[in-house]
Amino acid sequence: MEQNLNQDTYYRKIIHVDMDAFYASVEQRDHPELRGKPIAVGGSGSRGVVAAASYEARKFGVRSAMPSVTAARLCPDLIFVRHRFDQYRQVSREIREIFFEYTDLVEPLSLDEAYLDVTTNKKGMISATKIAQEIRAKIWDKTHLTASAGISINKFLAKVASDINKPNGLTLIPPDRAESFLEKLSIDKFYGIGKVTAGKMHRLGIHTGGDLKNWTEAELAHRFGKMGRHFYRIVRAIDDREVKPNRPRKSVGAENTFNKDITLEVDMLDRLRPLAQKVSERISQANDAARTITLKIKYHDFVLTTRSRTLDRYVSEFEEIFPVIQELLHQPAFPEKAIRLLGVYLSNLAREKEEEDEPKSFVPVQLTLEF
């Protein structure tokens, strides 16, 4: 039986706040000579990667995670600025203090974005839109940085909404317009649908949410596996995920980019050993353990691949982790190309499993006329 929104449904009021070009904007704020100019936060060398780009640089196609040499080619006047993560963390703390004035249900996704559940809030305000407006104004007053916000009935819609009027924008998707909004939305703008999946959908004739909605759940599951069932739900504005403060860490990892590409196994193992030691120390300090061990490999041509193994037991010691990494280096085959980056990650955590087993509860709140 198809589930749709209706007037008898209980709704949460969710805000997604996303800072505008956060790292780059902090640099332009603190260095007036950079304002209005195309800048990229990151290294400018042959091994550099863009961590963030100002909106002036984005007009040229410069994006985060792009190799610096590519960014410089796209934008010859691009100014590279060294990152200051301590400063970004401090500004992020100031912003979160503002969030907590309104609700304790704050789920940070990164330093520059977070979900807030304001269904019931500390100020007793009915309108989530007014709360978002106040938050954006306070962020500007305190940090002189702009933020965009999306407001809707669930996390998916709020996340999509926050990107509609960037930068320095605010978008509301109220309950009675949620499905019609998604039906008209380009599939490329659905949060969680990347370029590869969007391309596959285009080839199937799926260009908008309305096109996606014409497919049955079974058809989408056949084409896209488990994610197909997710697509079936979100296009109908169905997303039951709660805003979870202090989200449990999903993985523990460490990685290293090398000054020179490496090809010899002995060099790879020499670099993997300290990484495995580091993740072992981190997970032990967290009093946790993991079942899945992943080896991350980025080749000289920036092609990225991962190799994983899930064990039948939880591990945390270096002596248990490193032998698996050694095996993964040869499975399915030893790398044939030169390597520029190696990483070691632990996931499928014991603490995460414990929290999943805990009973969930949700107190519904009646939809109010003002959203």
Protein backbone atom coordinates (compact mmCIF):
# COMPACT_ATOMS: atom_id res chain seq x y z
CA MET A 1 0.00 0.00 0.00
CA GLU A 2 1.50 3.34 -1.04
CA GLN A 3 2.30 5.74 1.77
CA ASN A 4 1.77 9.45 1.16
CA LEU A 5 1.59 12.60 3.20
CA ASN A 6 -1.82 13.65 4.44
CA GLN A 7 -3.34 16.14 6.81
CA ASP A 8 -3.72 13.61 9.62
CA THR A 9 0.01 12.89 9.71
CA TYR A 10 2.21 14.10 12.55
CA TYR A 11 5.25 16.08 11.43
CA ARG A 12 8.56 17.12 12.82
CA LYS A 13 9.95 20.58 12.13
CA ILE A 14 13.52 20.20 10.90
CA ILE A 15 16.02 22.90 9.97
CA HIS A 16 19.21 22.22 8.04
CA VAL A 17 21.76 25.03 8.44
CA ASP A 18 24.66 25.09 5.98
CA MET A 19 27.39 27.74 6.12
CA ASP A 20 28.22 29.33 2.78
CA ALA A 21 31.69 28.34 1.44
CA PHE A 22 32.71 28.09 5.09
CA TYR A 23 36.51 27.74 5.04
CA ALA A 24 36.90 30.20 2.19
CA SER A 25 34.48 32.67 3.78
CA VAL A 26 36.41 32.60 7.07
CA GLU A 27 39.60 33.41 5.16
CA GLN A 28 37.94 36.27 3.28
CA ARG A 29 36.49 37.60 6.52
CA ASP A 30 39.86 37.54 8.29
CA HIS A 31 41.84 38.81 5.28
CA PRO A 32 40.03 41.78 3.67
CA GLU A 33 42.41 41.76 0.70
CA LEU A 34 40.88 38.41 -0.36
CA ARG A 35 37.28 39.60 -0.43
CA GLY A 36 35.65 39.44 -3.84
CA LYS A 37 38.51 37.38 -5.25
CA PRO A 38 38.60 33.71 -6.32
CA ILE A 39 40.33 31.78 -3.56
CA ALA A 40 40.87 28.13 -2.75
CA VAL A 41 41.74 26.78 0.66
CA GLY A 42 44.40 24.11 0.20
CA GLY A 43 47.90 23.51 -1.11
CA SER A 44 48.96 24.90 -4.47
CA GLY A 45 51.60 22.27 -5.21
CA SER A 46 51.36 19.36 -7.62
CA ARG A 47 50.00 17.20 -4.81
CA GLY A 48 47.62 19.80 -3.44
CA VAL A 49 43.86 19.35 -3.18
CA VAL A 50 41.19 22.05 -2.84
CA ALA A 51 39.51 21.84 0.58
CA ALA A 52 37.08 24.68 -0.17
CA ALA A 53 36.50 27.31 -2.84
CA SER A 54 34.98 30.78 -2.63
CA TYR A 55 31.92 31.53 -4.74
CA GLU A 56 34.09 33.70 -6.98
CA ALA A 57 36.21 30.61 -7.72
CA ARG A 58 33.19 28.32 -8.13
CA LYS A 59 32.08 30.41 -11.12
CA PHE A 60 35.10 28.95 -12.94
CA GLY A 61 34.22 25.38 -11.96
CA VAL A 62 36.58 25.11 -9.00
CA ARG A 63 35.21 22.65 -6.43
CA SER A 64 36.30 21.03 -3.18
CA ALA A 65 38.28 17.77 -3.49
CA MET A 66 39.57 18.92 -6.90
CA PRO A 67 43.33 18.62 -7.55
CA SER A 68 44.93 22.03 -7.16
CA VAL A 69 46.59 21.84 -10.58
CA THR A 70 43.16 21.38 -12.18
CA ALA A 71 41.71 24.27 -10.17
CA ALA A 72 44.57 26.56 -11.23
CA ARG A 73 44.03 25.61 -14.87
CA LEU A 74 40.32 26.42 -14.65
CA CYS A 75 40.92 29.72 -12.87
CA PRO A 76 44.35 31.26 -13.68
CA ASP A 77 43.84 34.06 -11.12
CA LEU A 78 43.01 31.62 -8.32
CA ILE A 79 44.59 32.48 -4.98
CA PHE A 80 45.56 29.51 -2.80
CA VAL A 81 45.28 29.99 0.97
CA ARG A 82 46.69 27.62 3.56
CA HIS A 83 44.01 26.07 5.77
CA ARG A 84 43.57 27.02 9.46
CA PHE A 85 41.46 24.23 10.92
CA ASP A 86 41.85 25.46 14.50
CA GLN A 87 40.18 28.71 13.47
CA TYR A 88 37.40 26.90 11.58
CA ARG A 89 36.70 24.73 14.63
CA GLN A 90 36.50 27.79 16.87
CA VAL A 91 33.99 29.50 14.56
CA SER A 92 32.02 26.26 14.33
CA ARG A 93 31.77 26.16 18.14
CA GLU A 94 30.42 29.72 18.16
CA ILE A 95 27.77 28.77 15.62
CA ARG A 96 26.70 25.67 17.54
CA GLU A 97 26.27 27.76 20.69
CA ILE A 98 23.60 29.65 18.76
CA PHE A 99 21.89 26.40 17.75
CA PHE A 100 21.73 25.28 21.39
CA GLU A 101 19.87 28.46 22.34
CA TYR A 102 16.89 26.94 20.51
CA THR A 103 17.19 23.16 20.89
CA ASP A 104 19.38 20.40 22.25
CA LEU A 105 18.47 18.23 19.26
CA VAL A 106 21.41 19.32 17.11
CA GLU A 107 23.09 16.81 14.80
CA PRO A 108 26.34 18.17 13.30
CA LEU A 109 27.27 16.72 9.93
CA SER A 110 30.57 18.60 9.74
CA LEU A 111 32.07 21.86 11.00
CA ASP A 112 29.82 23.86 8.69
CA GLU A 113 26.42 22.17 8.68
CA ALA A 114 23.92 20.62 11.07
CA TYR A 115 20.34 19.44 11.45
CA LEU A 116 18.14 20.95 14.17
CA ASP A 117 14.83 19.52 15.37
CA VAL A 118 12.77 22.50 16.57
CA THR A 119 9.39 20.73 16.75
CA THR A 120 9.45 21.65 20.40
CA ASN A 121 12.09 24.23 21.27
CA LYS A 122 13.51 26.15 24.21
CA LYS A 123 11.89 29.44 23.19
CA GLY A 124 8.42 28.01 22.65
CA MET A 125 8.31 29.37 19.09
CA ILE A 126 5.67 27.92 16.75
CA SER A 127 7.31 28.88 13.45
CA ALA A 128 10.41 26.94 12.37
CA THR A 129 10.91 29.54 9.64
CA LYS A 130 11.20 32.34 12.20
CA ILE A 131 13.67 30.25 14.19
CA ALA A 132 15.80 29.75 11.07
CA GLN A 133 15.67 33.49 10.34
CA GLU A 134 16.79 34.31 13.88
CA ILE A 135 19.60 31.76 13.76
CA ARG A 136 20.96 33.12 10.47
CA ALA A 137 20.82 36.68 11.80
CA LYS A 138 22.64 35.71 15.00
CA ILE A 139 25.31 33.84 13.04
CA TRP A 140 25.93 36.98 11.00
CA ASP A 141 26.01 39.23 14.08
CA LYS A 142 28.45 36.94 15.90
CA THR A 143 30.72 35.76 13.08
CA HIS A 144 30.06 38.05 10.08
CA LEU A 145 29.51 34.92 8.00
CA THR A 146 26.41 33.98 6.02
CA ALA A 147 24.46 30.75 6.33
CA SER A 148 21.75 29.16 4.21
CA ALA A 149 18.90 27.21 5.77
CA GLY A 150 16.28 24.73 4.68
CA ILE A 151 13.11 24.07 6.66
CA SER A 152 10.78 21.14 6.21
CA ILE A 153 9.20 18.06 7.78
CA ASN A 154 12.22 15.72 7.61
CA LYS A 155 15.97 15.64 7.20
CA PHE A 156 16.01 14.84 3.48
CA LEU A 157 13.73 17.71 2.52
CA ALA A 158 15.50 20.19 4.82
CA LYS A 159 18.86 19.25 3.31
CA VAL A 160 17.54 19.68 -0.25
CA ALA A 161 15.90 22.98 0.70
CA SER A 162 19.06 24.52 2.16
CA ASP A 163 20.77 24.23 -1.22
CA ILE A 164 18.00 25.86 -3.25
CA ASN A 165 18.81 29.53 -2.58
CA LYS A 166 22.50 29.45 -1.77
CA PRO A 167 24.34 31.53 -0.79
CA ASN A 168 22.72 33.41 2.11
CA GLY A 169 19.27 32.01 1.39
CA LEU A 170 16.35 30.43 3.17
CA THR A 171 13.89 27.94 1.71
CA LEU A 172 10.76 26.45 3.27
CA ILE A 173 9.13 23.29 1.97
CA PRO A 174 5.87 23.04 3.96
CA PRO A 175 4.01 19.73 4.38
CA ASP A 176 1.29 20.50 1.84
CA ARG A 177 3.86 21.27 -0.89
CA ALA A 178 6.44 18.59 -0.15
CA GLU A 179 5.45 16.03 -2.76
CA SER A 180 4.63 18.54 -5.50
CA PHE A 181 8.01 20.21 -4.88
CA LEU A 182 9.84 16.90 -5.29
CA GLU A 183 7.87 15.98 -8.41
CA LYS A 184 9.16 19.10 -10.19
CA LEU A 185 12.72 18.90 -8.82
CA SER A 186 15.51 17.78 -11.15
CA ILE A 187 16.84 14.39 -10.12
CA ASP A 188 20.35 15.89 -10.09
CA LYS A 189 19.33 18.03 -7.11
CA PHE A 190 18.14 15.13 -4.96
CA TYR A 191 20.49 14.86 -1.99
CA GLY A 192 22.18 11.46 -2.04
CA ILE A 193 21.89 10.93 -5.80
CA GLY A 194 25.36 11.40 -7.22
CA LYS A 195 26.50 11.91 -10.79
CA VAL A 196 26.83 8.21 -11.60
CA THR A 197 23.38 7.31 -10.30
CA ALA A 198 21.84 10.40 -11.89
CA GLY A 199 23.38 9.39 -15.20
CA LYS A 200 21.88 5.93 -14.92
CA MET A 201 18.49 7.46 -14.12
CA HIS A 202 18.70 9.78 -17.12
CA ARG A 203 19.33 6.79 -19.37
CA LEU A 204 16.16 5.23 -17.94
CA GLY A 205 14.17 8.37 -18.70
CA ILE A 206 14.14 9.60 -15.09
CA HIS A 207 14.86 13.34 -15.11
CA THR A 208 12.61 14.69 -12.35
CA GLY A 209 11.04 13.51 -9.15
CA GLY A 210 7.82 13.05 -11.07
CA ASP A 211 9.56 10.62 -13.42
CA LEU A 212 11.02 8.75 -10.45
CA LYS A 213 7.62 8.54 -8.80
CA ASN A 214 6.23 6.62 -11.77
CA TRP A 215 8.45 3.65 -10.91
CA THR A 216 7.30 1.01 -8.45
CA GLU A 217 9.34 0.10 -5.40
CA ALA A 218 10.09 -3.34 -6.88
CA GLU A 219 11.30 -1.81 -10.16
CA LEU A 220 13.60 0.65 -8.38
CA ALA A 221 14.96 -2.10 -6.11
CA HIS A 222 15.70 -4.22 -9.19
CA ARG A 223 17.58 -1.36 -10.87
CA PHE A 224 19.31 0.20 -7.86
CA GLY A 225 19.32 -2.44 -5.13
CA LYS A 226 18.71 -1.32 -1.55
CA MET A 227 19.03 2.32 -2.56
CA GLY A 228 16.09 1.85 -4.91
CA ARG A 229 13.78 1.39 -1.94
CA HIS A 230 15.26 4.55 -0.42
CA PHE A 231 14.58 6.48 -3.65
CA TYR A 232 10.98 5.21 -3.63
CA ARG A 233 10.47 6.69 -0.15
CA ILE A 234 12.22 10.04 -0.45
CA VAL A 235 10.41 11.04 -3.64
CA ARG A 236 7.21 10.62 -1.61
CA ALA A 237 8.69 12.87 1.11
CA ILE A 238 9.01 9.89 3.50
CA ASP A 239 12.06 10.05 5.79
CA ASP A 240 11.67 8.82 9.37
CA ARG A 241 15.24 9.47 10.50
CA GLU A 242 15.49 11.35 13.77
CA VAL A 243 17.86 14.22 14.46
CA LYS A 244 20.47 12.55 16.67
CA PRO A 245 22.67 14.79 18.83
CA ASN A 246 26.22 13.54 19.36
CA ARG A 247 25.98 11.13 16.44
CA PRO A 248 27.93 7.93 17.06
CA ARG A 249 31.09 7.77 15.01
CA LYS A 250 30.58 5.41 12.07
CA SER A 251 34.26 4.79 11.41
CA VAL A 252 37.78 5.46 12.64
CA GLY A 253 40.49 6.10 10.10
CA ALA A 254 43.81 7.63 9.13
CA GLU A 255 45.38 8.28 5.76
CA ASN A 256 48.48 9.84 4.25
CA THR A 257 49.27 11.50 0.90
CA PHE A 258 52.88 11.03 -0.21
CA ASN A 259 55.30 13.56 -1.65
CA LYS A 260 56.26 11.00 -4.29
CA ASP A 261 54.27 8.13 -5.77
CA ILE A 262 55.23 4.71 -4.45
CA THR A 263 55.24 1.37 -6.26
CA LEU A 264 57.18 -1.05 -4.02
CA GLU A 265 55.43 -3.24 -1.47
CA VAL A 266 58.04 -2.52 1.19
CA ASP A 267 57.32 1.22 0.86
CA MET A 268 53.57 0.62 1.07
CA LEU A 269 53.90 -1.48 4.21
CA ASP A 270 56.22 1.09 5.79
CA ARG A 271 53.49 3.68 5.36
CA LEU A 272 50.59 1.43 6.31
CA ARG A 273 52.18 0.34 9.60
CA PRO A 274 51.91 3.74 11.37
CA LEU A 275 48.41 4.25 9.97
CA ALA A 276 47.24 0.92 11.40
CA GLN A 277 48.91 1.83 14.69
CA LYS A 278 47.14 5.19 14.75
CA VAL A 279 43.64 3.77 14.15
CA SER A 280 44.29 1.07 16.74
CA GLU A 281 45.17 3.71 19.33
CA ARG A 282 42.15 5.84 18.42
CA ILE A 283 39.62 3.05 18.65
CA SER A 284 41.14 1.75 21.89
CA GLN A 285 41.00 5.23 23.44
CA ALA A 286 37.31 5.35 22.51
CA ASN A 287 36.82 2.03 24.32
CA ASP A 288 35.45 0.57 21.10
CA ALA A 289 36.21 -2.17 18.56
CA ALA A 290 35.41 -2.89 14.92
CA ARG A 291 34.58 -5.79 12.64
CA THR A 292 35.25 -4.21 9.22
CA ILE A 293 38.74 -3.21 8.12
CA THR A 294 39.17 -1.14 4.96
CA LEU A 295 42.25 -0.30 2.92
CA LYS A 296 41.94 2.91 0.91
CA ILE A 297 44.13 3.38 -2.17
CA LYS A 298 44.39 6.45 -4.39
CA TYR A 299 46.52 6.00 -7.50
CA HIS A 300 48.74 8.56 -9.22
CA ASP A 301 45.90 9.32 -11.67
CA PHE A 302 43.52 10.09 -8.74
CA VAL A 303 41.49 6.91 -9.26
CA LEU A 304 40.26 5.87 -5.82
CA THR A 305 39.50 2.34 -4.67
CA THR A 306 38.80 0.61 -1.37
CA ARG A 307 39.19 -2.98 -0.25
CA SER A 308 37.36 -4.25 2.84
CA ARG A 309 37.02 -7.34 4.97
CA THR A 310 34.43 -7.97 7.66
CA LEU A 311 35.58 -10.33 10.38
CA ASP A 312 33.53 -12.66 12.54
CA ARG A 313 34.79 -10.89 15.68
CA TYR A 314 35.49 -7.37 16.91
CA VAL A 315 39.12 -6.22 16.92
CA SER A 316 41.01 -3.18 18.18
CA GLU A 317 44.67 -4.21 18.51
CA PHE A 318 47.35 -3.39 15.95
CA GLU A 319 48.40 -7.06 15.88
CA GLU A 320 44.88 -7.97 14.72
CA ILE A 321 44.43 -5.11 12.24
CA PHE A 322 47.73 -4.95 10.37
CA PRO A 323 47.78 -8.56 9.06
CA VAL A 324 44.36 -7.95 7.47
CA ILE A 325 45.69 -4.78 5.82
CA GLN A 326 48.64 -6.78 4.45
CA GLU A 327 46.25 -9.31 2.93
CA LEU A 328 44.01 -6.61 1.46
CA LEU A 329 47.04 -5.15 -0.30
CA HIS A 330 47.14 -8.34 -2.38
CA GLN A 331 43.41 -8.95 -2.75
CA PRO A 332 42.11 -9.04 -5.37
CA ALA A 333 45.60 -8.23 -6.73
CA PHE A 334 48.66 -6.19 -5.83
CA PRO A 335 48.35 -2.60 -7.15
CA GLU A 336 49.77 -2.31 -10.64
CA LYS A 337 49.82 1.50 -10.69
CA ALA A 338 51.83 3.98 -8.65
CA ILE A 339 50.11 5.09 -5.43
CA ARG A 340 49.81 8.64 -4.07
CA LEU A 341 47.68 7.94 -0.96
CA LEU A 342 47.01 5.09 1.45
CA GLY A 343 44.45 4.95 4.24
CA VAL A 344 43.28 2.53 6.91
CA TYR A 345 39.70 2.63 8.24
CA LEU A 346 37.76 0.66 10.84
CA SER A 347 33.96 0.50 10.74
CA ASN A 348 31.02 -1.68 11.81
CA LEU A 349 31.76 -0.57 15.37
CA ALA A 350 30.69 -2.39 18.51
CA ARG A 351 29.28 0.76 20.13
CA GLU A 352 27.27 1.53 16.99
CA LYS A 353 25.73 -1.94 17.14
CA GLU A 354 24.79 -1.46 20.81
CA GLU A 355 23.02 1.82 20.03
CA GLU A 356 21.16 0.29 17.10
CA ASP A 357 19.82 -2.39 19.44
CA GLU A 358 18.43 0.18 21.87
CA PRO A 359 14.67 0.75 21.59
CA LYS A 360 13.66 3.85 19.62
CA SER A 361 10.95 6.24 20.70
CA PHE A 362 9.29 9.20 19.03
CA VAL A 363 6.71 11.48 20.59
CA PRO A 364 4.55 12.83 17.74
CA VAL A 365 3.65 16.51 17.65
CA GLN A 366 0.48 17.73 15.95
CA LEU A 367 1.01 19.74 12.78
CA THR A 368 0.47 23.45 13.42
CA LEU A 369 -0.81 25.88 10.80
CA GLU A 370 2.36 27.98 10.94
CA PHE A 371 5.53 26.32 9.72
